[in-house]
Amino acid sequence: MLLFYFKTPLPPSPATIITTGISNQKQWAPIDQPVAQPINLPENTNPPIPPVTKEKYTINAAIDYDRHLINVEETVVYPNRSGRELNSLVLAVASNLSPDCFTLTNLKVDQIDSDYELNGQRLEIPLQTPLAPDSAIKLTLRFSLALPYIGQFNTLNSPVFGYSDVQMNLINWYPFVVPFIDGEWNLHDPLYYGENLTYPSADYEVYVVFPKQEEIPVVAASGEAESIGAITRYTLENGRAFALSISPDFQVSTMRVGDVTIYSYSLPLYQRPAEAALQTSTLALDYFSMKFGPYPHKTLSIVQADLNDSREFSGLFFLSRNFYQLYDGTDKNYLTFTSLHSVAHQWWFDQVANDPAMEPWLDESLATWSESLYLEQFNPDVLPYWWTNRVDFFRPQGKIDISIYESQGYDSYKQSVYFNGTHFINDLRERVGEETFSDFLEDYVAQSQGEIVTSADFFRILNEHTSADYSDLIEEYFR
């Protein structure tokens, strides 16, 4: 997530919503009229589950764009890699934090109707038969979404999620099994800044149809697209989170790096800044692939968002409309900086994930510092401006290894995690040497790809590359 100088008000805490019961006691499509009949899954929808090592999400979404309503059928194949027997599963349902948004109408475990408890964003499913280590289970959920209006800060889900007058943004819109770490399900409470969800690496197969639309709007998605009649199939392998943004007004332009296509989705009147964001992101993707390791997906989508925020997901990121409006034709602007930051998150979030609530420095410090790495290579004349106006303007201070819950608010959080963290990464690079640090980052990605890392992992891999003494930096920047 990118923090910047625009302030957003603190939303009121959402009411706790608790739902328990047998899932088949409800009917699908609880809205006044069904959006569409459930989309048929590909043939052979219930084959024996083969040995699996990561989650697989198959999602069918029937979208009524004009009414902001969605019917979804979701299948989750979940392998137990915890090394212990599991008596229940816990899923994150961030959309349930938006009042009257999420309605679960059917839930099955291995094709059998199941009990569940839905409390706020936490969906817990007791298992009649415990899930043994190295075995898999299949969940099937049917639910509907009545999207909130973006800008109504009555939810802690996200100011990105929902619809506006010009677009629909689907982020954290489907339930997913949260990671099981050190004997606990990793699901933290949301806050009005920072991020609370930790994402496992998973494969996604998403089918989207607009059954009531005479003219199909333009869809930006995390994965590769394939048309199957009126349905579009999106695939994403080894992704953290699958996002969609939809608008009839999107203008689309593309560039390529090797076999990767970069898409820019912008609103009318913003072609010039959209092209600049596309060019910057394309160069950054190519350069970061050389410095950190190959970009793992076939597409990357840049989406202009009708909101005062920016967010990254696998193969897709949102950039605030404000940055397009303020673009001045140079690299000394936030559109350039946010583009670089968001592309860097395709490594420091998507490939190498961490717990962003408890150790946010692991991705945000590296993503912010990566902006300087690009400028150092392509526009060194801008680098002093970047340090002065992008980083030091915010008065970096404080220990960087804090959780989102330990800071004294938005300002102190960005001062420590983002900007003092950037100084730490830069000081560390100078201490161990540029070549050594570059080798370390490449190895850090190679060893950690698809995993959820901790600070201990960061320093363990670093120490495999250097014997330099950086204990004074630890004393300065860490508790």
Protein backbone atom coordinates (compact mmCIF):
# COMPACT_ATOMS: atom_id res chain seq x y z
CA MET A 1 0.00 0.00 0.00
CA LEU A 2 1.24 3.48 -0.82
CA LEU A 3 0.90 6.25 1.72
CA PHE A 4 0.96 9.83 0.54
CA TYR A 5 0.06 13.31 1.65
CA PHE A 6 -3.72 13.12 1.14
CA LYS A 7 -5.53 12.54 4.40
CA THR A 8 -8.63 10.38 4.82
CA PRO A 9 -10.97 10.63 7.81
CA LEU A 10 -11.18 7.87 10.36
CA PRO A 11 -14.28 5.81 9.58
CA PRO A 12 -16.55 4.64 12.35
CA SER A 13 -15.99 1.09 13.55
CA PRO A 14 -18.28 -1.38 11.79
CA ALA A 15 -20.87 -3.23 13.77
CA THR A 16 -19.98 -6.81 14.53
CA ILE A 17 -22.02 -9.20 12.40
CA ILE A 18 -22.32 -12.78 13.64
CA THR A 19 -23.98 -15.44 11.52
CA THR A 20 -24.21 -19.09 12.46
CA GLY A 21 -26.12 -22.03 11.12
CA ILE A 22 -26.49 -24.59 8.38
CA SER A 23 -25.65 -22.98 5.08
CA ASN A 24 -28.33 -24.72 3.00
CA GLN A 25 -31.11 -23.08 4.99
CA LYS A 26 -30.83 -20.04 2.71
CA GLN A 27 -31.54 -19.51 -0.96
CA TRP A 28 -28.95 -18.10 -3.31
CA ALA A 29 -29.52 -14.61 -4.76
CA PRO A 30 -31.13 -13.00 -1.67
CA ILE A 31 -31.45 -9.70 -3.55
CA ASP A 32 -34.87 -8.84 -4.92
CA GLN A 33 -34.08 -10.32 -8.34
CA PRO A 34 -31.32 -12.75 -9.25
CA VAL A 35 -28.47 -11.19 -11.17
CA ALA A 36 -28.08 -14.36 -13.22
CA GLN A 37 -28.24 -18.06 -12.96
CA PRO A 38 -25.06 -19.59 -11.54
CA ILE A 39 -22.38 -19.88 -14.18
CA ASN A 40 -21.60 -23.44 -15.12
CA LEU A 41 -18.15 -24.53 -14.09
CA PRO A 42 -16.03 -26.38 -16.64
CA GLU A 43 -16.92 -30.03 -17.05
CA ASN A 44 -15.78 -32.52 -14.41
CA THR A 45 -16.27 -30.07 -11.56
CA ASN A 46 -16.01 -32.70 -8.82
CA PRO A 47 -12.99 -34.85 -9.69
CA PRO A 48 -10.98 -36.57 -6.97
CA ILE A 49 -8.63 -34.02 -5.44
CA PRO A 50 -5.10 -34.82 -6.59
CA PRO A 51 -2.09 -34.21 -4.36
CA VAL A 52 -1.75 -30.43 -4.09
CA THR A 53 0.79 -28.16 -2.50
CA LYS A 54 -0.98 -24.80 -2.69
CA GLU A 55 -4.47 -23.41 -2.69
CA LYS A 56 -6.57 -23.24 -5.84
CA TYR A 57 -9.46 -20.79 -6.18
CA THR A 58 -12.08 -21.22 -8.91
CA ILE A 59 -14.51 -18.31 -8.93
CA ASN A 60 -17.61 -17.75 -11.09
CA ALA A 61 -18.90 -14.17 -10.91
CA ALA A 62 -22.11 -12.91 -12.54
CA ILE A 63 -21.93 -9.10 -12.38
CA ASP A 64 -24.75 -6.58 -12.71
CA TYR A 65 -22.62 -3.49 -13.20
CA ASP A 66 -25.45 -0.95 -13.18
CA ARG A 67 -27.00 -2.27 -9.97
CA HIS A 68 -23.64 -2.97 -8.29
CA LEU A 69 -24.67 -6.55 -7.51
CA ILE A 70 -22.67 -9.74 -7.93
CA ASN A 71 -23.53 -13.41 -7.54
CA VAL A 72 -20.55 -15.68 -6.95
CA GLU A 73 -19.86 -19.38 -6.83
CA GLU A 74 -16.42 -20.13 -5.40
CA THR A 75 -14.52 -23.38 -5.03
CA VAL A 76 -11.43 -23.62 -2.83
CA VAL A 77 -9.08 -26.57 -2.80
CA TYR A 78 -7.03 -26.26 0.37
CA PRO A 79 -4.00 -28.43 1.19
CA ASN A 80 -3.00 -28.81 4.83
CA ARG A 81 0.69 -27.92 4.90
CA SER A 82 0.73 -27.02 8.59
CA GLY A 83 2.26 -30.30 9.73
CA ARG A 84 -0.58 -30.81 12.18
CA GLU A 85 -4.18 -31.95 12.18
CA LEU A 86 -6.72 -29.16 11.60
CA ASN A 87 -10.15 -29.22 13.22
CA SER A 88 -11.42 -26.09 11.49
CA LEU A 89 -10.60 -23.63 8.74
CA VAL A 90 -10.65 -19.84 9.00
CA LEU A 91 -11.36 -17.64 6.00
CA ALA A 92 -11.09 -13.87 5.66
CA VAL A 93 -14.27 -12.21 4.39
CA ALA A 94 -13.29 -8.55 4.17
CA SER A 95 -16.44 -7.66 2.25
CA ASN A 96 -18.49 -8.54 5.34
CA LEU A 97 -17.04 -5.44 7.02
CA SER A 98 -19.15 -3.35 4.65
CA PRO A 99 -22.71 -3.19 6.01
CA ASP A 100 -25.26 -5.25 4.06
CA CYS A 101 -22.67 -6.19 1.44
CA PHE A 102 -21.89 -9.90 1.84
CA THR A 103 -24.55 -12.63 2.01
CA LEU A 104 -23.43 -16.25 2.23
CA THR A 105 -26.15 -18.53 0.92
CA ASN A 106 -24.54 -21.95 0.71
CA LEU A 107 -21.36 -23.54 2.05
CA LYS A 108 -20.22 -27.10 1.50
CA VAL A 109 -17.20 -29.03 2.69
CA ASP A 110 -16.35 -31.87 0.31
CA GLN A 111 -19.87 -31.52 -1.17
CA ILE A 112 -21.61 -31.77 2.23
CA ASP A 113 -23.51 -28.81 3.70
CA SER A 114 -21.54 -27.40 6.59
CA ASP A 115 -22.03 -25.35 9.72
CA TYR A 116 -20.11 -22.11 9.98
CA GLU A 117 -19.74 -18.99 12.10
CA LEU A 118 -19.34 -15.62 10.42
CA ASN A 119 -18.18 -12.91 12.80
CA GLY A 120 -17.15 -9.68 11.11
CA GLN A 121 -14.42 -10.58 8.65
CA ARG A 122 -13.80 -14.03 10.23
CA LEU A 123 -15.53 -17.08 8.73
CA GLU A 124 -14.77 -20.22 10.73
CA ILE A 125 -15.78 -23.63 9.42
CA PRO A 126 -15.65 -26.59 11.85
CA LEU A 127 -14.59 -29.81 10.15
CA GLN A 128 -16.57 -32.94 10.89
CA THR A 129 -13.50 -34.98 10.06
CA PRO A 130 -10.17 -33.39 11.02
CA LEU A 131 -7.93 -32.54 8.07
CA ALA A 132 -4.76 -34.59 8.30
CA PRO A 133 -1.36 -33.13 7.38
CA ASP A 134 -0.53 -33.25 3.67
CA SER A 135 -4.15 -33.91 2.71
CA ALA A 136 -6.57 -31.56 0.96
CA ILE A 137 -10.15 -30.45 1.35
CA LYS A 138 -12.63 -28.79 -1.00
CA LEU A 139 -14.87 -25.89 -0.04
CA THR A 140 -17.75 -24.61 -2.16
CA LEU A 141 -19.35 -21.26 -1.35
CA ARG A 142 -22.20 -19.37 -2.93
CA PHE A 143 -22.60 -15.74 -1.95
CA SER A 144 -23.78 -12.39 -3.22
CA LEU A 145 -22.29 -8.90 -2.93
CA ALA A 146 -24.19 -5.61 -2.82
CA LEU A 147 -21.29 -3.23 -3.26
CA PRO A 148 -20.83 -0.07 -1.17
CA TYR A 149 -20.22 3.32 -2.73
CA ILE A 150 -16.54 4.27 -2.75
CA GLY A 151 -15.94 7.30 -0.58
CA GLN A 152 -18.52 6.38 2.04
CA PHE A 153 -16.05 5.64 4.84
CA ASN A 154 -18.42 3.41 6.74
CA THR A 155 -16.21 0.39 6.42
CA LEU A 156 -12.73 -0.71 7.37
CA ASN A 157 -12.57 -3.06 4.38
CA SER A 158 -11.00 -0.50 2.04
CA PRO A 159 -11.73 2.88 0.48
CA VAL A 160 -10.91 1.12 -2.82
CA PHE A 161 -13.61 -1.57 -2.61
CA GLY A 162 -16.99 -0.90 -4.17
CA TYR A 163 -18.32 1.33 -6.93
CA SER A 164 -18.18 4.99 -7.90
CA ASP A 165 -19.79 7.01 -10.65
CA VAL A 166 -17.16 5.78 -13.12
CA GLN A 167 -15.94 2.34 -12.02
CA MET A 168 -16.34 -0.79 -9.90
CA ASN A 169 -13.37 -2.11 -7.90
CA LEU A 170 -13.31 -5.64 -6.55
CA ILE A 171 -10.53 -6.12 -4.02
CA ASN A 172 -10.62 -8.63 -1.16
CA TRP A 173 -14.03 -9.53 -2.57
CA TYR A 174 -13.96 -13.32 -2.17
CA PRO A 175 -13.39 -15.36 0.99
CA PHE A 176 -9.92 -16.91 1.22
CA VAL A 177 -8.28 -19.26 3.71
CA VAL A 178 -5.86 -17.24 5.79
CA PRO A 179 -2.36 -18.62 6.51
CA PHE A 180 -1.89 -20.96 9.46
CA ILE A 181 1.32 -19.75 11.12
CA ASP A 182 2.86 -21.00 14.37
CA GLY A 183 -0.32 -22.79 15.38
CA GLU A 184 -2.66 -19.86 14.73
CA TRP A 185 -4.82 -18.56 11.91
CA ASN A 186 -3.31 -15.28 10.73
CA LEU A 187 -6.19 -12.80 10.62
CA HIS A 188 -5.68 -9.37 12.18
CA ASP A 189 -8.20 -6.64 12.84
CA PRO A 190 -8.39 -3.90 10.21
CA LEU A 191 -7.26 -0.36 10.86
CA TYR A 192 -7.96 2.85 8.95
CA TYR A 193 -4.36 2.86 7.68
CA GLY A 194 -1.95 0.08 6.80
CA GLU A 195 -3.00 -3.39 5.78
CA ASN A 196 -4.20 -6.24 7.95
CA LEU A 197 -4.48 -9.24 5.62
CA THR A 198 -1.71 -11.77 5.01
CA TYR A 199 -2.13 -13.65 1.76
CA PRO A 200 -1.01 -17.19 0.90
CA SER A 201 0.30 -17.98 -2.56
CA ALA A 202 -2.44 -19.58 -4.66
CA ASP A 203 -3.63 -20.30 -8.19
CA TYR A 204 -6.74 -18.53 -9.49
CA GLU A 205 -9.22 -19.36 -12.24
CA VAL A 206 -11.90 -16.68 -12.43
CA TYR A 207 -14.91 -16.64 -14.78
CA VAL A 208 -16.71 -13.31 -15.27
CA VAL A 209 -19.99 -12.70 -17.10
CA PHE A 210 -22.26 -9.64 -17.39
CA PRO A 211 -25.66 -11.24 -18.03
CA LYS A 212 -27.68 -8.00 -17.92
CA GLN A 213 -25.31 -5.68 -19.80
CA GLU A 214 -26.11 -4.77 -23.40
CA GLU A 215 -22.65 -3.21 -23.69
CA ILE A 216 -19.92 -5.03 -21.77
CA PRO A 217 -17.72 -2.66 -19.76
CA VAL A 218 -13.92 -2.83 -19.90
CA VAL A 219 -12.37 -5.13 -17.28
CA ALA A 220 -8.90 -4.81 -15.76
CA ALA A 221 -7.86 -7.99 -13.99
CA SER A 222 -4.98 -9.60 -12.17
CA GLY A 223 -4.58 -12.46 -14.66
CA GLU A 224 -4.50 -13.39 -18.31
CA ALA A 225 -7.83 -13.20 -20.12
CA GLU A 226 -9.48 -15.68 -22.48
CA SER A 227 -12.94 -15.25 -24.02
CA ILE A 228 -15.30 -18.23 -23.86
CA GLY A 229 -18.42 -16.98 -25.57
CA ALA A 230 -20.00 -14.37 -23.29
CA ILE A 231 -17.76 -15.44 -20.42
CA THR A 232 -14.20 -14.24 -19.83
CA ARG A 233 -11.81 -16.62 -18.09
CA TYR A 234 -8.89 -15.17 -16.13
CA THR A 235 -5.98 -17.25 -14.88
CA LEU A 236 -3.32 -16.28 -12.35
CA GLU A 237 -0.70 -18.66 -11.02
CA ASN A 238 1.20 -18.16 -7.78
CA GLY A 239 -0.65 -14.97 -6.90
CA ARG A 240 -1.44 -13.44 -3.54
CA ALA A 241 -4.71 -11.66 -4.30
CA PHE A 242 -6.93 -11.47 -7.38
CA ALA A 243 -8.42 -8.05 -8.13
CA LEU A 244 -10.76 -6.62 -10.75
CA SER A 245 -11.59 -3.10 -11.83
CA ILE A 246 -14.47 -2.47 -14.24
CA SER A 247 -15.60 0.62 -16.10
CA PRO A 248 -17.35 1.46 -19.37
CA ASP A 249 -15.12 4.56 -19.54
CA PHE A 250 -11.68 2.95 -19.42
CA GLN A 251 -9.22 3.93 -22.14
CA VAL A 252 -6.65 1.16 -22.64
CA SER A 253 -3.08 1.31 -23.90
CA THR A 254 -0.38 -1.34 -23.77
CA MET A 255 3.36 -1.94 -23.88
CA ARG A 256 5.38 -5.15 -23.79
CA VAL A 257 8.53 -6.36 -22.04
CA GLY A 258 9.53 -9.78 -23.36
CA ASP A 259 6.42 -11.94 -23.00
CA VAL A 260 4.78 -9.62 -20.44
CA THR A 261 2.04 -7.21 -21.52
CA ILE A 262 1.58 -4.07 -19.42
CA TYR A 263 -1.87 -2.50 -19.62
CA SER A 264 -2.83 1.04 -18.65
CA TYR A 265 -6.51 1.64 -17.82
CA SER A 266 -7.33 5.32 -17.48
CA LEU A 267 -10.39 7.53 -17.43
CA PRO A 268 -11.14 10.04 -20.19
CA LEU A 269 -9.03 13.23 -20.36
CA TYR A 270 -6.03 11.56 -18.70
CA GLN A 271 -4.25 10.06 -21.70
CA ARG A 272 -0.98 11.99 -21.23
CA PRO A 273 -0.37 11.01 -17.58
CA ALA A 274 -1.64 7.50 -18.28
CA GLU A 275 0.97 7.07 -21.01
CA ALA A 276 3.64 8.38 -18.63
CA ALA A 277 2.62 5.92 -15.92
CA LEU A 278 2.67 3.12 -18.50
CA GLN A 279 6.15 3.99 -19.76
CA THR A 280 7.57 4.37 -16.25
CA SER A 281 6.02 1.09 -15.09
CA THR A 282 7.28 -0.76 -18.16
CA LEU A 283 10.85 0.43 -17.61
CA ALA A 284 10.59 -0.38 -13.91
CA LEU A 285 9.25 -3.87 -14.56
CA ASP A 286 12.13 -4.60 -16.90
CA TYR A 287 14.76 -3.14 -14.55
CA PHE A 288 13.44 -4.74 -11.37
CA SER A 289 13.26 -8.08 -13.18
CA MET A 290 16.97 -7.74 -13.84
CA LYS A 291 17.80 -6.60 -10.29
CA PHE A 292 15.48 -8.78 -8.20
CA GLY A 293 14.54 -11.74 -10.38
CA PRO A 294 12.01 -12.38 -13.18
CA TYR A 295 8.50 -11.02 -12.97
CA PRO A 296 6.34 -14.17 -12.66
CA HIS A 297 3.13 -13.22 -14.49
CA LYS A 298 2.22 -12.57 -18.12
CA THR A 299 0.34 -9.32 -17.52
CA LEU A 300 0.50 -6.25 -15.32
CA SER A 301 -2.44 -3.82 -15.14
CA ILE A 302 -2.19 -0.17 -14.08
CA VAL A 303 -5.60 1.17 -13.10
CA GLN A 304 -6.50 4.80 -12.54
CA ALA A 305 -8.74 4.76 -9.51
CA ASP A 306 -11.54 7.14 -8.65
CA LEU A 307 -10.33 7.46 -5.06
CA ASN A 308 -7.71 9.11 -2.88
CA ASP A 309 -5.57 6.04 -2.40
CA SER A 310 -3.34 3.53 -4.16
CA ARG A 311 -3.22 -0.22 -3.64
CA GLU A 312 -1.27 -3.15 -5.02
CA PHE A 313 -2.44 -6.66 -5.85
CA SER A 314 -1.00 -9.51 -7.86
CA GLY A 315 -0.52 -8.35 -11.42
CA LEU A 316 -2.59 -5.20 -10.86
CA PHE A 317 -2.31 -1.95 -8.97
CA PHE A 318 -4.44 1.14 -8.49
CA LEU A 319 -3.13 4.69 -8.78
CA SER A 320 -5.14 7.58 -7.40
CA ARG A 321 -6.79 9.94 -9.86
CA ASN A 322 -5.16 12.78 -7.90
CA PHE A 323 -1.74 11.75 -9.14
CA TYR A 324 -2.91 11.85 -12.76
CA GLN A 325 -4.38 15.31 -12.17
CA LEU A 326 -1.13 16.59 -10.62
CA TYR A 327 1.16 15.13 -13.29
CA ASP A 328 3.43 17.90 -14.62
CA GLY A 329 5.22 16.10 -17.43
CA THR A 330 8.40 15.44 -15.43
CA ASP A 331 9.65 12.67 -13.15
CA LYS A 332 9.43 15.03 -10.16
CA ASN A 333 5.88 14.05 -9.30
CA TYR A 334 3.86 11.51 -7.38
CA LEU A 335 2.56 9.73 -10.45
CA THR A 336 6.12 8.62 -11.22
CA PHE A 337 6.89 7.74 -7.61
CA THR A 338 3.66 5.81 -7.03
CA SER A 339 4.09 3.89 -10.28
CA LEU A 340 7.59 2.81 -9.24
CA HIS A 341 6.43 1.94 -5.74
CA SER A 342 3.54 -0.16 -7.00
CA VAL A 343 5.65 -2.05 -9.55
CA ALA A 344 8.17 -2.83 -6.78
CA HIS A 345 5.34 -4.37 -4.75
CA GLN A 346 5.15 -7.09 -7.40
CA TRP A 347 8.30 -8.35 -5.67
CA TRP A 348 7.87 -6.99 -2.14
CA PHE A 349 4.33 -8.28 -1.64
CA ASP A 350 3.45 -10.61 -4.49
CA GLN A 351 6.58 -12.74 -4.76
CA VAL A 352 7.87 -12.25 -1.22
CA ALA A 353 4.99 -11.79 1.20
CA ASN A 354 5.07 -10.85 4.86
CA ASP A 355 2.60 -10.11 7.63
CA PRO A 356 1.79 -6.48 6.71
CA ALA A 357 0.03 -5.79 10.00
CA MET A 358 2.82 -6.98 12.30
CA GLU A 359 5.94 -6.37 10.17
CA PRO A 360 4.98 -3.83 7.49
CA TRP A 361 8.56 -2.59 7.07
CA LEU A 362 9.45 -5.77 5.18
CA ASP A 363 7.51 -4.75 2.10
CA GLU A 364 6.92 -1.01 2.47
CA SER A 365 10.52 0.00 3.21
CA LEU A 366 11.82 -2.05 0.31
CA ALA A 367 9.13 -0.81 -2.09
CA THR A 368 9.82 2.82 -1.22
CA TRP A 369 13.59 2.37 -1.47
CA SER A 370 13.14 0.64 -4.85
CA GLU A 371 11.89 3.96 -6.21
CA SER A 372 15.36 5.39 -5.60
CA LEU A 373 17.01 2.40 -7.25
CA TYR A 374 15.11 3.14 -10.47
CA LEU A 375 15.87 6.86 -10.37
CA GLU A 376 19.53 6.13 -9.71
CA GLN A 377 19.62 4.16 -12.95
CA PHE A 378 17.34 6.16 -15.26
CA ASN A 379 17.14 9.70 -13.90
CA PRO A 380 19.87 10.40 -11.31
CA ASP A 381 19.26 14.15 -11.56
CA VAL A 382 15.88 13.60 -9.91
CA LEU A 383 17.28 11.53 -7.03
CA PRO A 384 18.17 14.50 -4.74
CA TYR A 385 14.68 15.90 -5.29
CA TRP A 386 13.22 12.48 -4.45
CA TRP A 387 15.10 12.25 -1.14
CA THR A 388 14.14 15.79 -0.18
CA ASN A 389 10.49 15.81 -1.23
CA ARG A 390 9.43 12.17 -1.24
CA VAL A 391 11.20 10.95 1.90
CA ASP A 392 12.74 13.61 4.15
CA PHE A 393 9.80 16.00 3.74
CA PHE A 394 7.87 13.63 6.04
CA ARG A 395 10.53 13.82 8.79
CA PRO A 396 11.57 10.15 9.01
CA GLN A 397 11.95 9.04 12.61
CA GLY A 398 11.21 6.20 14.98
CA LYS A 399 11.90 2.49 15.04
CA ILE A 400 10.83 0.78 11.85
CA ASP A 401 9.87 -2.64 13.23
CA ILE A 402 6.48 -1.61 14.57
CA SER A 403 3.10 -3.08 13.78
CA ILE A 404 0.29 -0.97 12.37
CA TYR A 405 -1.28 -1.06 15.84
CA GLU A 406 1.76 0.34 17.68
CA SER A 407 2.25 3.61 15.88
CA GLN A 408 0.70 6.83 17.12
CA GLY A 409 -1.39 7.24 14.00
CA TYR A 410 -1.06 7.72 10.28
CA ASP A 411 1.76 10.26 10.39
CA SER A 412 4.02 8.35 12.77
CA TYR A 413 3.37 5.13 10.84
CA LYS A 414 4.58 6.56 7.54
CA GLN A 415 7.47 8.39 9.22
CA SER A 416 8.88 5.18 10.66
CA VAL A 417 7.85 2.29 8.40
CA TYR A 418 8.01 3.93 4.99
CA PHE A 419 10.54 6.71 5.24
CA ASN A 420 12.85 5.83 8.12
CA GLY A 421 12.69 2.30 6.74
CA THR A 422 13.90 3.64 3.41
CA HIS A 423 16.89 5.22 5.15
CA PHE A 424 17.63 1.89 6.82
CA ILE A 425 17.61 -0.02 3.52
CA ASN A 426 19.87 2.60 1.96
CA ASP A 427 22.27 2.64 4.92
CA LEU A 428 22.39 -1.14 4.90
CA ARG A 429 23.23 -1.16 1.21
CA GLU A 430 26.07 1.29 1.77
CA ARG A 431 27.38 -0.76 4.69
CA VAL A 432 27.54 -4.15 2.97
CA GLY A 433 28.34 -2.78 -0.49
CA GLU A 434 26.21 -2.29 -3.58
CA GLU A 435 27.19 -5.57 -5.28
CA THR A 436 26.70 -7.65 -2.15
CA PHE A 437 23.35 -6.03 -1.43
CA SER A 438 22.19 -6.61 -4.99
CA ASP A 439 23.17 -10.29 -4.75
CA PHE A 440 21.34 -10.51 -1.43
CA LEU A 441 18.08 -9.10 -2.80
CA GLU A 442 18.12 -11.49 -5.74
CA ASP A 443 18.71 -14.43 -3.40
CA TYR A 444 16.11 -13.11 -0.95
CA VAL A 445 13.50 -13.32 -3.72
CA ALA A 446 14.72 -16.73 -4.92
CA GLN A 447 14.65 -18.29 -1.44
CA SER A 448 11.41 -16.64 -0.31
CA GLN A 449 9.26 -16.78 -3.45
CA GLY A 450 5.76 -17.90 -2.58
CA GLU A 451 6.48 -17.85 1.15
CA ILE A 452 5.53 -15.53 4.00
CA VAL A 453 8.75 -14.15 5.45
CA THR A 454 9.68 -12.56 8.75
CA SER A 455 12.43 -10.17 9.80
CA ALA A 456 14.42 -13.21 10.92
CA ASP A 457 14.32 -14.57 7.35
CA PHE A 458 15.48 -11.23 5.97
CA PHE A 459 18.56 -11.10 8.20
CA ARG A 460 19.30 -14.81 7.92
CA ILE A 461 19.58 -14.55 4.14
CA LEU A 462 21.47 -11.26 4.41
CA ASN A 463 24.05 -12.90 6.70
CA GLU A 464 24.60 -15.60 4.10
CA HIS A 465 25.97 -12.85 1.85
CA THR A 466 27.98 -10.64 4.19
CA SER A 467 30.10 -10.68 7.31
CA ALA A 468 29.92 -6.89 7.63
CA ASP A 469 29.05 -5.54 11.06
CA TYR A 470 25.77 -3.63 10.85
CA SER A 471 24.83 -3.94 14.52
CA ASP A 472 24.83 -0.15 14.92
CA LEU A 473 22.16 0.09 12.22
CA ILE A 474 20.04 -2.46 14.06
CA GLU A 475 20.48 -0.40 17.22
CA GLU A 476 19.44 2.78 15.40
CA TYR A 477 16.46 1.52 13.45
CA PHE A 478 15.11 -1.46 15.42
CA ARG A 479 13.78 -1.94 18.91
